């Protein structure tokens, strides 16, 4: 069974949840407190590298650090924005993709990223509203959390970097999601 991980705010802080998840069924879960506030905007975990977006002291920053599922290593910090528009982040070590809201419109950006330098972004409008909450893409399958009329849902669908395929809609095991990863 594959693993998913996500950040969620619980009122007393932000926690990282790691679940067994096969795309339909939620399995065993572990939980780790990772912060006191509600500053996280995106989360990705690939192999032994965790990367996440957080808003601190007026800046939106990308943090990259080792992570073995229990313990985080020292972090590298990269300032990515002055605004608070980021809604999701995914990085496989070569390609970064993220969701950002600008003026009520949500866009998906994909670009090369080597851990130091970003390439030129490709932009795709994905929503005319600010309802996307979290994002993950493994190069073939996109999974994201969005708030729709019936509540907060997880959507899983094929994505080739340009076009989305049909979607599967599932319930979200946690409200207050701030980041999502499934690979």
C-alpha atoms as a PDB file:
ATOM      1  CA  UNK A   1       0.000   0.000   0.000  1.00  0.00           C
ATOM      2  CA  UNK A   2       1.303   3.482  -0.874  1.00  0.00           C
ATOM      3  CA  UNK A   3       1.757   6.197   1.733  1.00  0.00           C
ATOM      4  CA  UNK A   4       0.242   9.656   1.831  1.00  0.00           C
ATOM      5  CA  UNK A   5       1.176  12.449   4.164  1.00  0.00           C
ATOM      6  CA  UNK A   6      -0.453  15.757   4.911  1.00  0.00           C
ATOM      7  CA  UNK A   7      -0.247  18.725   7.230  1.00  0.00           C
ATOM      8  CA  UNK A   8      -3.366  19.766   9.129  1.00  0.00           C
ATOM      9  CA  UNK A   9      -4.008  22.442  11.710  1.00  0.00           C
ATOM     10  CA  UNK A  10      -5.713  21.118  14.857  1.00  0.00           C
ATOM     11  CA  UNK A  11      -6.148  24.330  16.852  1.00  0.00           C
ATOM     12  CA  UNK A  12      -3.257  23.509  19.194  1.00  0.00           C
ATOM     13  CA  UNK A  13      -0.772  23.444  16.300  1.00  0.00           C
ATOM     14  CA  UNK A  14      -0.051  21.848  12.966  1.00  0.00           C
ATOM     15  CA  UNK A  15       0.471  18.101  12.708  1.00  0.00           C
ATOM     16  CA  UNK A  16       1.929  15.867  10.019  1.00  0.00           C
ATOM     17  CA  UNK A  17      -0.187  12.770   9.420  1.00  0.00           C
ATOM     18  CA  UNK A  18       1.257   9.773   7.554  1.00  0.00           C
ATOM     19  CA  UNK A  19      -1.318   7.256   6.297  1.00  0.00           C
ATOM     20  CA  UNK A  20      -1.304   4.043   4.361  1.00  0.00           C
ATOM     21  CA  UNK A  21      -3.477   4.914   1.339  1.00  0.00           C
ATOM     22  CA  UNK A  22      -4.146   2.927  -1.848  1.00  0.00           C
ATOM     23  CA  UNK A  23      -6.204   5.595  -3.609  1.00  0.00           C
ATOM     24  CA  UNK A  24      -9.484   4.353  -2.137  1.00  0.00           C
ATOM     25  CA  UNK A  25      -8.897   3.155   1.417  1.00  0.00           C
ATOM     26  CA  UNK A  26      -7.250   4.904   4.346  1.00  0.00           C
ATOM     27  CA  UNK A  27      -5.084   2.639   6.474  1.00  0.00           C
ATOM     28  CA  UNK A  28      -2.871   2.889   9.524  1.00  0.00           C
ATOM     29  CA  UNK A  29      -1.897   6.449  10.534  1.00  0.00           C
ATOM     30  CA  UNK A  30       0.901   8.080  12.520  1.00  0.00           C
ATOM     31  CA  UNK A  31       0.961  11.690  13.742  1.00  0.00           C
ATOM     32  CA  UNK A  32       3.784  14.143  14.461  1.00  0.00           C
ATOM     33  CA  UNK A  33       3.410  17.722  15.759  1.00  0.00           C
ATOM     34  CA  UNK A  34       5.426  20.037  13.475  1.00  0.00           C
ATOM     35  CA  UNK A  35       4.428  23.569  14.474  1.00  0.00           C
ATOM     36  CA  UNK A  36       2.562  25.779  16.899  1.00  0.00           C
ATOM     37  CA  UNK A  37       0.801  28.008  14.356  1.00  0.00           C
ATOM     38  CA  UNK A  38      -1.097  27.690  11.110  1.00  0.00           C
ATOM     39  CA  UNK A  39       1.625  28.919   8.750  1.00  0.00           C
ATOM     40  CA  UNK A  40       2.006  25.957   6.384  1.00  0.00           C
ATOM     41  CA  UNK A  41       0.855  26.340   2.754  1.00  0.00           C
ATOM     42  CA  UNK A  42       2.147  23.177   1.046  1.00  0.00           C
ATOM     43  CA  UNK A  43       3.961  19.883   1.714  1.00  0.00           C
ATOM     44  CA  UNK A  44       5.939  17.370  -0.325  1.00  0.00           C
ATOM     45  CA  UNK A  45       7.941  14.305   0.705  1.00  0.00           C
ATOM     46  CA  UNK A  46       9.947  12.362  -1.867  1.00  0.00           C
ATOM     47  CA  UNK A  47      12.404   9.627  -0.853  1.00  0.00           C
ATOM     48  CA  UNK A  48      14.282  11.142   2.116  1.00  0.00           C
ATOM     49  CA  UNK A  49      13.616  14.808   1.299  1.00  0.00           C
ATOM     50  CA  UNK A  50      10.756  16.868   2.690  1.00  0.00           C
ATOM     51  CA  UNK A  51       9.972  20.279   1.268  1.00  0.00           C
ATOM     52  CA  UNK A  52       7.230  22.616   2.340  1.00  0.00           C
ATOM     53  CA  UNK A  53       5.944  26.149   1.945  1.00  0.00           C
ATOM     54  CA  UNK A  54       5.393  28.217   5.089  1.00  0.00           C
ATOM     55  CA  UNK A  55       4.558  31.849   5.746  1.00  0.00           C
ATOM     56  CA  UNK A  56       6.685  33.431   8.480  1.00  0.00           C
ATOM     57  CA  UNK A  57       7.467  37.068   9.298  1.00  0.00           C
ATOM     58  CA  UNK A  58       5.675  38.390   6.194  1.00  0.00           C
ATOM     59  CA  UNK A  59       7.492  36.168   3.685  1.00  0.00           C
ATOM     60  CA  UNK A  60       6.443  32.940   2.053  1.00  0.00           C
ATOM     61  CA  UNK A  61       9.405  30.563   2.119  1.00  0.00           C
ATOM     62  CA  UNK A  62      10.300  27.127   0.801  1.00  0.00           C
ATOM     63  CA  UNK A  63      12.035  24.835   3.276  1.00  0.00           C
ATOM     64  CA  UNK A  64      13.979  21.760   2.164  1.00  0.00           C
ATOM     65  CA  UNK A  65      15.307  19.196   4.639  1.00  0.00           C
ATOM     66  CA  UNK A  66      15.934  15.508   5.125  1.00  0.00           C
ATOM     67  CA  UNK A  67      13.091  13.528   6.677  1.00  0.00           C
ATOM     68  CA  UNK A  68      12.923   9.814   7.519  1.00  0.00           C
ATOM     69  CA  UNK A  69       9.253   9.746   8.547  1.00  0.00           C
ATOM     70  CA  UNK A  70      10.042  10.604  12.170  1.00  0.00           C
ATOM     71  CA  UNK A  71      12.959  13.065  12.376  1.00  0.00           C
ATOM     72  CA  UNK A  72      13.679  16.207  10.358  1.00  0.00           C
ATOM     73  CA  UNK A  73      17.232  17.302   9.498  1.00  0.00           C
ATOM     74  CA  UNK A  74      18.510  20.874   9.246  1.00  0.00           C
ATOM     75  CA  UNK A  75      16.634  23.014   6.744  1.00  0.00           C
ATOM     76  CA  UNK A  76      17.569  25.155   3.766  1.00  0.00           C
ATOM     77  CA  UNK A  77      15.302  28.195   3.326  1.00  0.00           C
ATOM     78  CA  UNK A  78      14.455  29.881   0.001  1.00  0.00           C
ATOM     79  CA  UNK A  79      12.237  32.984  -0.119  1.00  0.00           C
ATOM     80  CA  UNK A  80       9.599  32.426  -2.804  1.00  0.00           C
ATOM     81  CA  UNK A  81       7.094  35.285  -2.324  1.00  0.00           C
ATOM     82  CA  UNK A  82       6.017  38.281  -0.265  1.00  0.00           C
ATOM     83  CA  UNK A  83       2.322  37.353  -0.644  1.00  0.00           C
ATOM     84  CA  UNK A  84       0.169  34.718   1.027  1.00  0.00           C
ATOM     85  CA  UNK A  85      -1.210  33.176  -2.180  1.00  0.00           C
ATOM     86  CA  UNK A  86       0.338  29.692  -2.155  1.00  0.00           C
ATOM     87  CA  UNK A  87      -2.095  26.789  -1.613  1.00  0.00           C
ATOM     88  CA  UNK A  88      -0.058  23.689  -2.424  1.00  0.00           C
ATOM     89  CA  UNK A  89       3.423  22.411  -3.290  1.00  0.00           C
ATOM     90  CA  UNK A  90       4.848  19.252  -4.865  1.00  0.00           C
ATOM     91  CA  UNK A  91       8.450  18.455  -5.812  1.00  0.00           C
ATOM     92  CA  UNK A  92       9.993  15.201  -7.016  1.00  0.00           C
ATOM     93  CA  UNK A  93      13.610  16.405  -7.019  1.00  0.00           C
ATOM     94  CA  UNK A  94      13.412  17.677 -10.642  1.00  0.00           C
ATOM     95  CA  UNK A  95      10.011  19.269 -11.231  1.00  0.00           C
ATOM     96  CA  UNK A  96       8.159  21.585  -8.869  1.00  0.00           C
ATOM     97  CA  UNK A  97       4.435  22.160  -9.167  1.00  0.00           C
ATOM     98  CA  UNK A  98       2.302  24.360  -6.992  1.00  0.00           C
ATOM     99  CA  UNK A  99      -1.076  26.028  -6.704  1.00  0.00           C
ATOM    100  CA  UNK A 100      -1.357  29.772  -6.126  1.00  0.00           C
ATOM    101  CA  UNK A 101      -4.364  32.085  -5.903  1.00  0.00           C
ATOM    102  CA  UNK A 102      -4.168  35.501  -7.540  1.00  0.00           C
ATOM    103  CA  UNK A 103      -7.177  37.823  -7.547  1.00  0.00           C
ATOM    104  CA  UNK A 104      -9.671  35.033  -6.850  1.00  0.00           C
ATOM    105  CA  UNK A 105      -8.322  32.798  -9.641  1.00  0.00           C
ATOM    106  CA  UNK A 106      -6.365  29.642  -8.810  1.00  0.00           C
ATOM    107  CA  UNK A 107      -3.495  28.713 -11.121  1.00  0.00           C
ATOM    108  CA  UNK A 108      -1.237  25.675 -11.309  1.00  0.00           C
ATOM    109  CA  UNK A 109       2.433  26.314 -12.016  1.00  0.00           C
ATOM    110  CA  UNK A 110       4.929  23.680 -13.145  1.00  0.00           C
ATOM    111  CA  UNK A 111       8.642  24.358 -13.564  1.00  0.00           C
ATOM    112  CA  UNK A 112      12.013  22.721 -13.250  1.00  0.00           C
ATOM    113  CA  UNK A 113      13.648  23.012  -9.837  1.00  0.00           C
ATOM    114  CA  UNK A 114      16.985  21.517  -8.764  1.00  0.00           C
ATOM    115  CA  UNK A 115      16.747  22.495  -5.093  1.00  0.00           C
ATOM    116  CA  UNK A 116      18.441  25.836  -5.744  1.00  0.00           C
ATOM    117  CA  UNK A 117      17.116  27.424  -8.937  1.00  0.00           C
ATOM    118  CA  UNK A 118      13.654  27.539 -10.499  1.00  0.00           C
ATOM    119  CA  UNK A 119      13.132  27.305 -14.264  1.00  0.00           C
ATOM    120  CA  UNK A 120      10.572  29.254 -16.273  1.00  0.00           C
ATOM    121  CA  UNK A 121       7.027  28.523 -15.048  1.00  0.00           C
ATOM    122  CA  UNK A 122       4.210  27.072 -17.122  1.00  0.00           C
ATOM    123  CA  UNK A 123       0.848  28.407 -15.895  1.00  0.00           C
ATOM    124  CA  UNK A 124      -2.557  26.690 -16.144  1.00  0.00           C
ATOM    125  CA  UNK A 125      -5.777  28.230 -14.796  1.00  0.00           C
ATOM    126  CA  UNK A 126      -7.500  25.517 -12.739  1.00  0.00           C
ATOM    127  CA  UNK A 127     -10.299  27.406 -10.977  1.00  0.00           C
ATOM    128  CA  UNK A 128     -12.147  30.706 -11.054  1.00  0.00           C
ATOM    129  CA  UNK A 129     -12.209  30.695  -7.254  1.00  0.00           C
ATOM    130  CA  UNK A 130      -9.921  30.176  -4.274  1.00  0.00           C
ATOM    131  CA  UNK A 131     -11.205  26.715  -3.338  1.00  0.00           C
ATOM    132  CA  UNK A 132      -8.025  24.611  -3.743  1.00  0.00           C
ATOM    133  CA  UNK A 133      -6.332  23.757  -0.426  1.00  0.00           C
ATOM    134  CA  UNK A 134      -3.522  21.273  -1.212  1.00  0.00           C
ATOM    135  CA  UNK A 135      -1.764  19.741  -4.244  1.00  0.00           C
ATOM    136  CA  UNK A 136       0.453  16.781  -5.233  1.00  0.00           C
ATOM    137  CA  UNK A 137       1.646  15.525  -8.616  1.00  0.00           C
ATOM    138  CA  UNK A 138       3.950  12.556  -9.260  1.00  0.00           C
ATOM    139  CA  UNK A 139       4.335  13.210 -13.006  1.00  0.00           C
ATOM    140  CA  UNK A 140       1.355  11.025 -13.940  1.00  0.00           C
ATOM    141  CA  UNK A 141      -1.309  11.394 -11.261  1.00  0.00           C
ATOM    142  CA  UNK A 142      -2.503  14.625  -9.683  1.00  0.00           C
ATOM    143  CA  UNK A 143      -4.197  14.557  -6.306  1.00  0.00           C
ATOM    144  CA  UNK A 144      -5.513  17.643  -4.630  1.00  0.00           C
ATOM    145  CA  UNK A 145      -7.832  18.833  -1.897  1.00  0.00           C
ATOM    146  CA  UNK A 146     -10.522  21.365  -2.776  1.00  0.00           C
ATOM    147  CA  UNK A 147     -13.544  22.827  -1.056  1.00  0.00           C
ATOM    148  CA  UNK A 148     -16.712  22.342  -3.099  1.00  0.00           C
ATOM    149  CA  UNK A 149     -20.427  22.740  -2.316  1.00  0.00           C
ATOM    150  CA  UNK A 150     -20.623  19.312  -0.639  1.00  0.00           C
ATOM    151  CA  UNK A 151     -17.563  19.971   1.553  1.00  0.00           C
ATOM    152  CA  UNK A 152     -13.803  19.431   1.428  1.00  0.00           C
ATOM    153  CA  UNK A 153     -12.875  16.555  -0.907  1.00  0.00           C
ATOM    154  CA  UNK A 154      -9.800  14.789  -2.255  1.00  0.00           C
ATOM    155  CA  UNK A 155      -9.654  14.508  -6.048  1.00  0.00           C
ATOM    156  CA  UNK A 156      -7.417  12.013  -7.851  1.00  0.00           C
ATOM    157  CA  UNK A 157      -6.954  12.174 -11.631  1.00  0.00           C
ATOM    158  CA  UNK A 158      -4.420  11.672 -14.368  1.00  0.00           C
ATOM    159  CA  UNK A 159      -2.426  14.745 -15.356  1.00  0.00           C
ATOM    160  CA  UNK A 160       0.264  14.907 -18.056  1.00  0.00           C
ATOM    161  CA  UNK A 161       1.502  18.395 -17.202  1.00  0.00           C
ATOM    162  CA  UNK A 162      -1.039  20.039 -19.503  1.00  0.00           C
ATOM    163  CA  UNK A 163      -4.329  18.132 -19.464  1.00  0.00           C
ATOM    164  CA  UNK A 164      -6.357  16.596 -16.645  1.00  0.00           C
ATOM    165  CA  UNK A 165      -8.216  13.306 -17.050  1.00  0.00           C
ATOM    166  CA  UNK A 166     -11.458  12.212 -15.339  1.00  0.00           C
ATOM    167  CA  UNK A 167     -11.470  12.476 -11.555  1.00  0.00           C
ATOM    168  CA  UNK A 168     -12.263  10.289  -8.597  1.00  0.00           C
ATOM    169  CA  UNK A 169     -13.690  12.141  -5.587  1.00  0.00           C
ATOM    170  CA  UNK A 170     -13.047  10.927  -2.013  1.00  0.00           C
ATOM    171  CA  UNK A 171     -13.688  12.208   1.470  1.00  0.00           C
ATOM    172  CA  UNK A 172     -10.853  13.968   3.282  1.00  0.00           C
ATOM    173  CA  UNK A 173      -9.782  12.345   6.580  1.00  0.00           C
ATOM    174  CA  UNK A 174      -8.917  15.706   8.151  1.00  0.00           C
ATOM    175  CA  UNK A 175     -10.229  19.242   8.001  1.00  0.00           C
ATOM    176  CA  UNK A 176      -7.716  22.064   8.126  1.00  0.00           C
ATOM    177  CA  UNK A 177      -5.372  20.483   5.532  1.00  0.00           C
ATOM    178  CA  UNK A 178      -2.427  22.698   4.616  1.00  0.00           C
ATOM    179  CA  UNK A 179      -0.419  20.306   2.486  1.00  0.00           C
ATOM    180  CA  UNK A 180      -0.833  16.928   0.800  1.00  0.00           C
ATOM    181  CA  UNK A 181       1.557  14.346  -0.661  1.00  0.00           C
ATOM    182  CA  UNK A 182       0.826  10.937  -2.194  1.00  0.00           C
ATOM    183  CA  UNK A 183       3.488   9.098  -4.152  1.00  0.00           C
END
